[in-house]
Amino acid sequence: MVCGSQLEYLQQSERRVCTFCEKMEAGHIACPQGHFVCDTCHGTDARKMIEKTVFSTQDADPLALAEHMMSHPCLPMLGCEHAFIAAGALMAALKNSPYGRGKISNDHIQEAIDRTSKQAVGGYCGLTGVCGITPAIGSCFSLFLGARCGTDSEQRITMDAAIRISQAISGLTGPSCCKAYVRAALREAVIIVNERLGVVLPVKNSTVACRHSNRHPHGCREEKCLFYVRPEKDIFADAKFVPGTISPS
């Protein structure tokens, strides 16, 4: 975000001063040139865009809504802002569905995003094994069911959903990709919503052609990723003749 250098992922946190807001905090991700960006500054513009989008949309297709937000230029290629997209897209879709109208409000969507921010921390997918998208989807189930510590089936369904989301995400590591995680998580969430809540969300297309492969700082998984599309190649690029120049005999 500052100089374009390859980031360093630290095994132990170090106290750093944010290049933008000058706040000091412990961080696990830093720049070899000495730059450091805190989580708040990293995602401020993206979070504003996400909240504005999910509060105003009429779309009930969470995958289409997430894809729309992931194409926005203010969103980093990687980062926990994707967890806010996952929570916001699913909650907005539920709100706009026949099952959520009059029951889910923008306040509920905001609550899901706020809860997600407590557990979605940059780099912690590798440091603890828990991607922020897992609690993001969990927060949606918790809000829809009214789950809390001490409840019975509501909490169990929420935890089961979080486990399934984590499993869907873990199959796409090597290296990690937040955008692939969002897609896989929402595809699984739509299935769980139907199975456990009886809610059908109108997903128009669950097969997404990713257009962000060349932006991945750690290298795209390419064919190993469900969403990768091989770039089109000019089959005549290495040819010694020009098509259409051969005269008929």
C-alpha atoms as a PDB file:
ATOM      1  CA  MET A   1       0.000   0.000   0.000  1.00  0.00           C
ATOM      2  CA  VAL A   2       2.966   2.345   0.476  1.00  0.00           C
ATOM      3  CA  CYS A   3       5.842   1.321  -1.797  1.00  0.00           C
ATOM      4  CA  GLY A   4       4.746  -1.919  -3.463  1.00  0.00           C
ATOM      5  CA  SER A   5       7.428  -4.085  -1.843  1.00  0.00           C
ATOM      6  CA  GLN A   6       6.841  -7.762  -1.041  1.00  0.00           C
ATOM      7  CA  LEU A   7       5.528  -8.009   2.524  1.00  0.00           C
ATOM      8  CA  GLU A   8       7.235  -9.914   5.321  1.00  0.00           C
ATOM      9  CA  TYR A   9       5.184 -12.270   7.500  1.00  0.00           C
ATOM     10  CA  LEU A  10       6.682 -12.437  10.993  1.00  0.00           C
ATOM     11  CA  GLN A  11       6.595 -15.447  13.341  1.00  0.00           C
ATOM     12  CA  GLN A  12       6.408 -13.156  16.354  1.00  0.00           C
ATOM     13  CA  SER A  13       4.662  -9.800  16.598  1.00  0.00           C
ATOM     14  CA  GLU A  14       6.690  -6.601  16.649  1.00  0.00           C
ATOM     15  CA  ARG A  15       5.693  -3.144  17.829  1.00  0.00           C
ATOM     16  CA  ARG A  16       5.447  -0.924  14.776  1.00  0.00           C
ATOM     17  CA  VAL A  17       4.221   2.608  14.038  1.00  0.00           C
ATOM     18  CA  CYS A  18       1.569   2.876  11.334  1.00  0.00           C
ATOM     19  CA  THR A  19       2.805   4.871   8.352  1.00  0.00           C
ATOM     20  CA  PHE A  20      -0.614   6.510   7.938  1.00  0.00           C
ATOM     21  CA  CYS A  21      -2.114   7.202  11.391  1.00  0.00           C
ATOM     22  CA  GLU A  22       1.171   6.934  13.377  1.00  0.00           C
ATOM     23  CA  LYS A  23      -0.494   4.696  15.966  1.00  0.00           C
ATOM     24  CA  MET A  24       1.809   2.075  17.488  1.00  0.00           C
ATOM     25  CA  GLU A  25       0.557  -1.490  17.679  1.00  0.00           C
ATOM     26  CA  ALA A  26       1.822  -5.059  17.553  1.00  0.00           C
ATOM     27  CA  GLY A  27       1.802  -6.510  14.049  1.00  0.00           C
ATOM     28  CA  HIS A  28       2.851  -9.662  12.212  1.00  0.00           C
ATOM     29  CA  ILE A  29       2.992  -8.173   8.709  1.00  0.00           C
ATOM     30  CA  ALA A  30       5.559  -5.564   7.728  1.00  0.00           C
ATOM     31  CA  CYS A  31       7.411  -4.108   4.772  1.00  0.00           C
ATOM     32  CA  PRO A  32      11.186  -4.624   4.322  1.00  0.00           C
ATOM     33  CA  GLN A  33      11.450  -0.886   3.661  1.00  0.00           C
ATOM     34  CA  GLY A  34      10.198  -0.156   7.179  1.00  0.00           C
ATOM     35  CA  HIS A  35       6.590   0.667   6.330  1.00  0.00           C
ATOM     36  CA  PHE A  36       3.729  -0.660   8.447  1.00  0.00           C
ATOM     37  CA  VAL A  37      -0.020  -0.255   8.000  1.00  0.00           C
ATOM     38  CA  CYS A  38      -2.373  -1.053  10.885  1.00  0.00           C
ATOM     39  CA  ASP A  39      -5.531  -3.073  10.266  1.00  0.00           C
ATOM     40  CA  THR A  40      -7.751  -0.005  10.618  1.00  0.00           C
ATOM     41  CA  CYS A  41      -5.931   2.003   7.954  1.00  0.00           C
ATOM     42  CA  HIS A  42      -5.545  -1.055   5.717  1.00  0.00           C
ATOM     43  CA  GLY A  43      -9.293  -1.504   5.374  1.00  0.00           C
ATOM     44  CA  THR A  44     -10.919   1.897   6.051  1.00  0.00           C
ATOM     45  CA  ASP A  45     -11.909   2.722   2.468  1.00  0.00           C
ATOM     46  CA  ALA A  46     -12.862  -0.866   1.680  1.00  0.00           C
ATOM     47  CA  ARG A  47     -15.065  -1.206   4.757  1.00  0.00           C
ATOM     48  CA  LYS A  48     -16.922   1.994   3.886  1.00  0.00           C
ATOM     49  CA  MET A  49     -17.544   0.653   0.385  1.00  0.00           C
ATOM     50  CA  ILE A  50     -18.717  -2.711   1.736  1.00  0.00           C
ATOM     51  CA  GLU A  51     -21.121  -1.187   4.241  1.00  0.00           C
ATOM     52  CA  LYS A  52     -22.540   1.240   1.700  1.00  0.00           C
ATOM     53  CA  THR A  53     -23.113  -1.589  -0.766  1.00  0.00           C
ATOM     54  CA  VAL A  54     -24.742  -4.105   1.568  1.00  0.00           C
ATOM     55  CA  PHE A  55     -26.976  -1.504   3.192  1.00  0.00           C
ATOM     56  CA  SER A  56     -28.432  -0.346  -0.131  1.00  0.00           C
ATOM     57  CA  THR A  57     -28.506  -3.456  -2.326  1.00  0.00           C
ATOM     58  CA  GLN A  58     -31.722  -5.268  -3.243  1.00  0.00           C
ATOM     59  CA  ASP A  59     -29.850  -8.387  -4.394  1.00  0.00           C
ATOM     60  CA  ALA A  60     -30.634 -11.721  -2.714  1.00  0.00           C
ATOM     61  CA  ASP A  61     -27.776 -13.576  -4.416  1.00  0.00           C
ATOM     62  CA  PRO A  62     -24.848 -13.500  -1.941  1.00  0.00           C
ATOM     63  CA  LEU A  63     -22.279 -14.804  -4.449  1.00  0.00           C
ATOM     64  CA  ALA A  64     -23.124 -12.182  -7.070  1.00  0.00           C
ATOM     65  CA  LEU A  65     -23.083  -9.461  -4.422  1.00  0.00           C
ATOM     66  CA  ALA A  66     -19.705 -10.594  -3.082  1.00  0.00           C
ATOM     67  CA  GLU A  67     -18.227 -10.741  -6.569  1.00  0.00           C
ATOM     68  CA  HIS A  68     -19.429  -7.196  -7.224  1.00  0.00           C
ATOM     69  CA  MET A  69     -17.689  -5.921  -4.086  1.00  0.00           C
ATOM     70  CA  MET A  70     -14.492  -7.899  -4.758  1.00  0.00           C
ATOM     71  CA  SER A  71     -14.164  -6.142  -8.114  1.00  0.00           C
ATOM     72  CA  HIS A  72     -14.078  -2.693  -6.488  1.00  0.00           C
ATOM     73  CA  PRO A  73     -10.714  -0.919  -6.984  1.00  0.00           C
ATOM     74  CA  CYS A  74     -10.403   0.115  -3.327  1.00  0.00           C
ATOM     75  CA  LEU A  75     -10.333  -3.496  -2.137  1.00  0.00           C
ATOM     76  CA  PRO A  76      -6.846  -4.993  -1.601  1.00  0.00           C
ATOM     77  CA  MET A  77      -6.126  -8.325  -3.283  1.00  0.00           C
ATOM     78  CA  LEU A  78      -5.751  -9.950   0.140  1.00  0.00           C
ATOM     79  CA  GLY A  79      -6.940  -8.858   3.560  1.00  0.00           C
ATOM     80  CA  CYS A  80      -9.593  -9.324   6.231  1.00  0.00           C
ATOM     81  CA  GLU A  81     -11.858  -6.870   4.420  1.00  0.00           C
ATOM     82  CA  HIS A  82     -12.950 -10.024   2.575  1.00  0.00           C
ATOM     83  CA  ALA A  83     -14.435 -11.312   5.841  1.00  0.00           C
ATOM     84  CA  PHE A  84     -16.638  -8.216   5.959  1.00  0.00           C
ATOM     85  CA  ILE A  85     -17.696  -8.947   2.382  1.00  0.00           C
ATOM     86  CA  ALA A  86     -18.658 -12.512   3.328  1.00  0.00           C
ATOM     87  CA  ALA A  87     -20.704 -11.425   6.353  1.00  0.00           C
ATOM     88  CA  GLY A  88     -22.270  -8.457   4.570  1.00  0.00           C
ATOM     89  CA  ALA A  89     -23.165 -10.384   1.424  1.00  0.00           C
ATOM     90  CA  LEU A  90     -24.839 -13.244   3.284  1.00  0.00           C
ATOM     91  CA  MET A  91     -26.734 -11.002   5.682  1.00  0.00           C
ATOM     92  CA  ALA A  92     -27.873  -8.674   2.893  1.00  0.00           C
ATOM     93  CA  ALA A  93     -29.050 -11.663   0.848  1.00  0.00           C
ATOM     94  CA  LEU A  94     -31.017 -12.988   3.817  1.00  0.00           C
ATOM     95  CA  LYS A  95     -32.485  -9.542   4.433  1.00  0.00           C
ATOM     96  CA  ASN A  96     -33.633  -9.259   0.806  1.00  0.00           C
ATOM     97  CA  SER A  97     -35.073 -12.776   0.685  1.00  0.00           C
ATOM     98  CA  PRO A  98     -38.741 -13.504   1.496  1.00  0.00           C
ATOM     99  CA  TYR A  99     -37.545 -15.130   4.728  1.00  0.00           C
ATOM    100  CA  GLY A 100     -35.768 -12.059   6.021  1.00  0.00           C
ATOM    101  CA  ARG A 101     -37.965  -9.173   4.949  1.00  0.00           C
ATOM    102  CA  GLY A 102     -39.173  -7.341   8.016  1.00  0.00           C
ATOM    103  CA  LYS A 103     -36.978  -9.508  10.263  1.00  0.00           C
ATOM    104  CA  ILE A 104     -33.457  -8.504   9.244  1.00  0.00           C
ATOM    105  CA  SER A 105     -32.427  -4.850   9.113  1.00  0.00           C
ATOM    106  CA  ASN A 106     -29.285  -2.910   8.314  1.00  0.00           C
ATOM    107  CA  ASP A 107     -28.627  -2.889  12.054  1.00  0.00           C
ATOM    108  CA  HIS A 108     -28.312  -6.685  11.919  1.00  0.00           C
ATOM    109  CA  ILE A 109     -25.924  -6.444   8.974  1.00  0.00           C
ATOM    110  CA  GLN A 110     -23.832  -3.892  10.862  1.00  0.00           C
ATOM    111  CA  GLU A 111     -23.802  -6.142  13.914  1.00  0.00           C
ATOM    112  CA  ALA A 112     -22.531  -9.080  11.825  1.00  0.00           C
ATOM    113  CA  ILE A 113     -19.713  -6.947  10.420  1.00  0.00           C
ATOM    114  CA  ASP A 114     -18.836  -5.583  13.868  1.00  0.00           C
ATOM    115  CA  ARG A 115     -18.709  -9.085  15.345  1.00  0.00           C
ATOM    116  CA  THR A 116     -16.534 -10.235  12.469  1.00  0.00           C
ATOM    117  CA  SER A 117     -14.058  -7.416  13.102  1.00  0.00           C
ATOM    118  CA  LYS A 118     -13.353  -8.864  16.571  1.00  0.00           C
ATOM    119  CA  GLN A 119     -11.923 -12.057  15.064  1.00  0.00           C
ATOM    120  CA  ALA A 120     -10.852 -11.120  11.543  1.00  0.00           C
ATOM    121  CA  VAL A 121      -7.261  -9.939  12.001  1.00  0.00           C
ATOM    122  CA  GLY A 122      -4.680  -9.614   9.246  1.00  0.00           C
ATOM    123  CA  GLY A 123      -2.450 -12.673   8.833  1.00  0.00           C
ATOM    124  CA  TYR A 124      -4.162 -14.750  11.522  1.00  0.00           C
ATOM    125  CA  CYS A 125      -5.363 -17.340   9.017  1.00  0.00           C
ATOM    126  CA  GLY A 126      -1.767 -18.575   9.103  1.00  0.00           C
ATOM    127  CA  LEU A 127      -0.942 -17.662  12.696  1.00  0.00           C
ATOM    128  CA  THR A 128      -3.876 -19.466  14.366  1.00  0.00           C
ATOM    129  CA  GLY A 129      -5.403 -21.489  11.538  1.00  0.00           C
ATOM    130  CA  VAL A 130      -8.662 -19.535  11.641  1.00  0.00           C
ATOM    131  CA  CYS A 131      -9.545 -17.352   8.655  1.00  0.00           C
ATOM    132  CA  GLY A 132     -11.749 -14.373   9.523  1.00  0.00           C
ATOM    133  CA  ILE A 133     -14.325 -15.561   6.986  1.00  0.00           C
ATOM    134  CA  THR A 134     -15.203 -18.464   9.329  1.00  0.00           C
ATOM    135  CA  PRO A 135     -16.477 -16.228  12.173  1.00  0.00           C
ATOM    136  CA  ALA A 136     -17.965 -13.920   9.536  1.00  0.00           C
ATOM    137  CA  ILE A 137     -20.352 -16.621   8.351  1.00  0.00           C
ATOM    138  CA  GLY A 138     -20.811 -17.819  11.937  1.00  0.00           C
ATOM    139  CA  SER A 139     -21.966 -14.349  12.961  1.00  0.00           C
ATOM    140  CA  CYS A 140     -24.678 -14.454  10.283  1.00  0.00           C
ATOM    141  CA  PHE A 141     -26.063 -17.763  11.550  1.00  0.00           C
ATOM    142  CA  SER A 142     -25.888 -16.530  15.134  1.00  0.00           C
ATOM    143  CA  LEU A 143     -27.869 -13.405  14.317  1.00  0.00           C
ATOM    144  CA  PHE A 144     -30.432 -15.212  12.174  1.00  0.00           C
ATOM    145  CA  LEU A 145     -31.001 -17.841  14.905  1.00  0.00           C
ATOM    146  CA  GLY A 146     -30.562 -15.625  17.949  1.00  0.00           C
ATOM    147  CA  ALA A 147     -27.701 -17.813  19.183  1.00  0.00           C
ATOM    148  CA  ARG A 148     -25.608 -16.859  22.181  1.00  0.00           C
ATOM    149  CA  CYS A 149     -23.607 -18.567  24.897  1.00  0.00           C
ATOM    150  CA  GLY A 150     -26.001 -20.889  26.745  1.00  0.00           C
ATOM    151  CA  THR A 151     -28.476 -21.523  23.933  1.00  0.00           C
ATOM    152  CA  ASP A 152     -29.119 -25.039  22.671  1.00  0.00           C
ATOM    153  CA  SER A 153     -29.629 -25.898  18.982  1.00  0.00           C
ATOM    154  CA  GLU A 154     -29.027 -22.292  17.906  1.00  0.00           C
ATOM    155  CA  GLN A 155     -25.437 -22.342  19.106  1.00  0.00           C
ATOM    156  CA  ARG A 156     -24.858 -25.883  17.814  1.00  0.00           C
ATOM    157  CA  ILE A 157     -26.053 -24.992  14.303  1.00  0.00           C
ATOM    158  CA  THR A 158     -23.869 -21.885  14.337  1.00  0.00           C
ATOM    159  CA  MET A 159     -20.791 -23.878  15.395  1.00  0.00           C
ATOM    160  CA  ASP A 160     -21.508 -26.628  12.860  1.00  0.00           C
ATOM    161  CA  ALA A 161     -21.766 -23.977  10.144  1.00  0.00           C
ATOM    162  CA  ALA A 162     -18.426 -22.458  11.199  1.00  0.00           C
ATOM    163  CA  ILE A 163     -16.771 -25.892  11.031  1.00  0.00           C
ATOM    164  CA  ARG A 164     -18.075 -26.535   7.517  1.00  0.00           C
ATOM    165  CA  ILE A 165     -16.970 -23.095   6.339  1.00  0.00           C
ATOM    166  CA  SER A 166     -13.480 -23.660   7.739  1.00  0.00           C
ATOM    167  CA  GLN A 167     -13.285 -27.013   5.956  1.00  0.00           C
ATOM    168  CA  ALA A 168     -14.356 -25.431   2.668  1.00  0.00           C
ATOM    169  CA  ILE A 169     -11.675 -22.782   3.051  1.00  0.00           C
ATOM    170  CA  SER A 170      -8.848 -25.107   4.092  1.00  0.00           C
ATOM    171  CA  GLY A 171      -9.180 -27.027   0.838  1.00  0.00           C
ATOM    172  CA  LEU A 172      -8.111 -23.929  -1.071  1.00  0.00           C
ATOM    173  CA  THR A 173      -4.855 -23.129   0.722  1.00  0.00           C
ATOM    174  CA  GLY A 174      -1.403 -23.268  -0.805  1.00  0.00           C
ATOM    175  CA  PRO A 175      -1.001 -20.293  -0.983  1.00  0.00           C
ATOM    176  CA  SER A 176      -4.075 -18.735   0.571  1.00  0.00           C
ATOM    177  CA  CYS A 177      -6.419 -16.507  -1.433  1.00  0.00           C
ATOM    178  CA  CYS A 178      -9.059 -14.392   0.297  1.00  0.00           C
ATOM    179  CA  LYS A 179     -11.181 -14.116  -2.834  1.00  0.00           C
ATOM    180  CA  ALA A 180     -11.291 -17.888  -3.324  1.00  0.00           C
ATOM    181  CA  TYR A 181     -12.144 -18.252   0.362  1.00  0.00           C
ATOM    182  CA  VAL A 182     -15.106 -15.865   0.057  1.00  0.00           C
ATOM    183  CA  ARG A 183     -16.488 -17.765  -2.932  1.00  0.00           C
ATOM    184  CA  ALA A 184     -16.091 -21.204  -1.354  1.00  0.00           C
ATOM    185  CA  ALA A 185     -17.472 -20.014   1.991  1.00  0.00           C
ATOM    186  CA  LEU A 186     -20.581 -18.450   0.493  1.00  0.00           C
ATOM    187  CA  ARG A 187     -21.252 -21.464  -1.727  1.00  0.00           C
ATOM    188  CA  GLU A 188     -21.169 -23.676   1.356  1.00  0.00           C
ATOM    189  CA  ALA A 189     -23.161 -21.158   3.419  1.00  0.00           C
ATOM    190  CA  VAL A 190     -25.981 -21.164   0.843  1.00  0.00           C
ATOM    191  CA  ILE A 191     -26.180 -24.965   1.158  1.00  0.00           C
ATOM    192  CA  ILE A 192     -26.202 -24.835   4.966  1.00  0.00           C
ATOM    193  CA  VAL A 193     -28.836 -22.086   5.011  1.00  0.00           C
ATOM    194  CA  ASN A 194     -31.063 -24.328   2.931  1.00  0.00           C
ATOM    195  CA  GLU A 195     -30.359 -27.502   4.925  1.00  0.00           C
ATOM    196  CA  ARG A 196     -30.580 -26.088   8.445  1.00  0.00           C
ATOM    197  CA  LEU A 197     -32.833 -23.045   8.091  1.00  0.00           C
ATOM    198  CA  GLY A 198     -35.018 -24.020   5.147  1.00  0.00           C
ATOM    199  CA  VAL A 199     -34.042 -20.821   3.357  1.00  0.00           C
ATOM    200  CA  VAL A 200     -33.434 -20.879  -0.397  1.00  0.00           C
ATOM    201  CA  LEU A 201     -31.241 -18.095  -1.746  1.00  0.00           C
ATOM    202  CA  PRO A 202     -31.342 -17.452  -5.517  1.00  0.00           C
ATOM    203  CA  VAL A 203     -27.772 -18.136  -6.617  1.00  0.00           C
ATOM    204  CA  LYS A 204     -27.623 -17.501 -10.354  1.00  0.00           C
ATOM    205  CA  ASN A 205     -24.098 -18.781 -10.928  1.00  0.00           C
ATOM    206  CA  SER A 206     -21.939 -20.604  -8.394  1.00  0.00           C
ATOM    207  CA  THR A 207     -19.146 -21.120 -10.958  1.00  0.00           C
ATOM    208  CA  VAL A 208     -17.081 -17.948 -10.947  1.00  0.00           C
ATOM    209  CA  ALA A 209     -14.329 -17.088 -13.408  1.00  0.00           C
ATOM    210  CA  CYS A 210     -11.696 -15.250 -11.360  1.00  0.00           C
ATOM    211  CA  ARG A 211     -10.223 -12.144 -12.951  1.00  0.00           C
ATOM    212  CA  HIS A 212      -7.717 -11.356 -10.209  1.00  0.00           C
ATOM    213  CA  SER A 213      -5.093 -14.093 -10.708  1.00  0.00           C
ATOM    214  CA  ASN A 214      -2.337 -11.773 -11.894  1.00  0.00           C
ATOM    215  CA  ARG A 215      -2.663  -9.614  -8.762  1.00  0.00           C
ATOM    216  CA  HIS A 216      -1.871 -12.318  -6.200  1.00  0.00           C
ATOM    217  CA  PRO A 217       1.305 -11.296  -4.302  1.00  0.00           C
ATOM    218  CA  HIS A 218       2.199 -14.902  -3.370  1.00  0.00           C
ATOM    219  CA  GLY A 219       1.405 -16.382  -6.760  1.00  0.00           C
ATOM    220  CA  CYS A 220      -1.966 -17.708  -7.880  1.00  0.00           C
ATOM    221  CA  ARG A 221      -2.634 -21.450  -7.439  1.00  0.00           C
ATOM    222  CA  GLU A 222      -3.911 -21.424 -11.030  1.00  0.00           C
ATOM    223  CA  GLU A 223      -5.248 -24.861 -12.071  1.00  0.00           C
ATOM    224  CA  LYS A 224      -5.382 -25.992  -8.438  1.00  0.00           C
ATOM    225  CA  CYS A 225      -8.036 -23.339  -7.754  1.00  0.00           C
ATOM    226  CA  LEU A 226     -11.703 -23.972  -8.512  1.00  0.00           C
ATOM    227  CA  PHE A 227     -12.122 -20.449  -9.832  1.00  0.00           C
ATOM    228  CA  TYR A 228      -9.054 -20.090 -12.035  1.00  0.00           C
ATOM    229  CA  VAL A 229      -9.487 -19.408 -15.734  1.00  0.00           C
ATOM    230  CA  ARG A 230      -6.480 -19.950 -17.974  1.00  0.00           C
ATOM    231  CA  PRO A 231      -5.737 -16.786 -20.024  1.00  0.00           C
ATOM    232  CA  GLU A 232      -6.573 -17.109 -23.693  1.00  0.00           C
ATOM    233  CA  LYS A 233      -3.514 -17.711 -25.871  1.00  0.00           C
ATOM    234  CA  ASP A 234      -3.005 -16.677 -29.452  1.00  0.00           C
ATOM    235  CA  ILE A 235      -2.410 -20.022 -31.181  1.00  0.00           C
ATOM    236  CA  PHE A 236      -0.685 -18.234 -34.068  1.00  0.00           C
ATOM    237  CA  ALA A 237       1.701 -16.228 -31.839  1.00  0.00           C
ATOM    238  CA  ASP A 238       4.673 -18.521 -32.546  1.00  0.00           C
ATOM    239  CA  ALA A 239       3.647 -19.496 -36.079  1.00  0.00           C
ATOM    240  CA  LYS A 240       5.981 -18.828 -39.042  1.00  0.00           C
ATOM    241  CA  PHE A 241       3.145 -17.916 -41.328  1.00  0.00           C
ATOM    242  CA  VAL A 242       0.352 -15.368 -41.232  1.00  0.00           C
ATOM    243  CA  PRO A 243      -3.168 -16.877 -41.294  1.00  0.00           C
ATOM    244  CA  GLY A 244      -5.041 -16.131 -44.487  1.00  0.00           C
ATOM    245  CA  THR A 245      -1.910 -15.603 -46.637  1.00  0.00           C
ATOM    246  CA  ILE A 246      -1.712 -19.098 -48.159  1.00  0.00           C
ATOM    247  CA  SER A 247      -2.923 -19.001 -51.749  1.00  0.00           C
ATOM    248  CA  PRO A 248      -5.152 -21.830 -52.968  1.00  0.00           C
ATOM    249  CA  SER A 249      -3.395 -24.234 -55.413  1.00  0.00           C
END
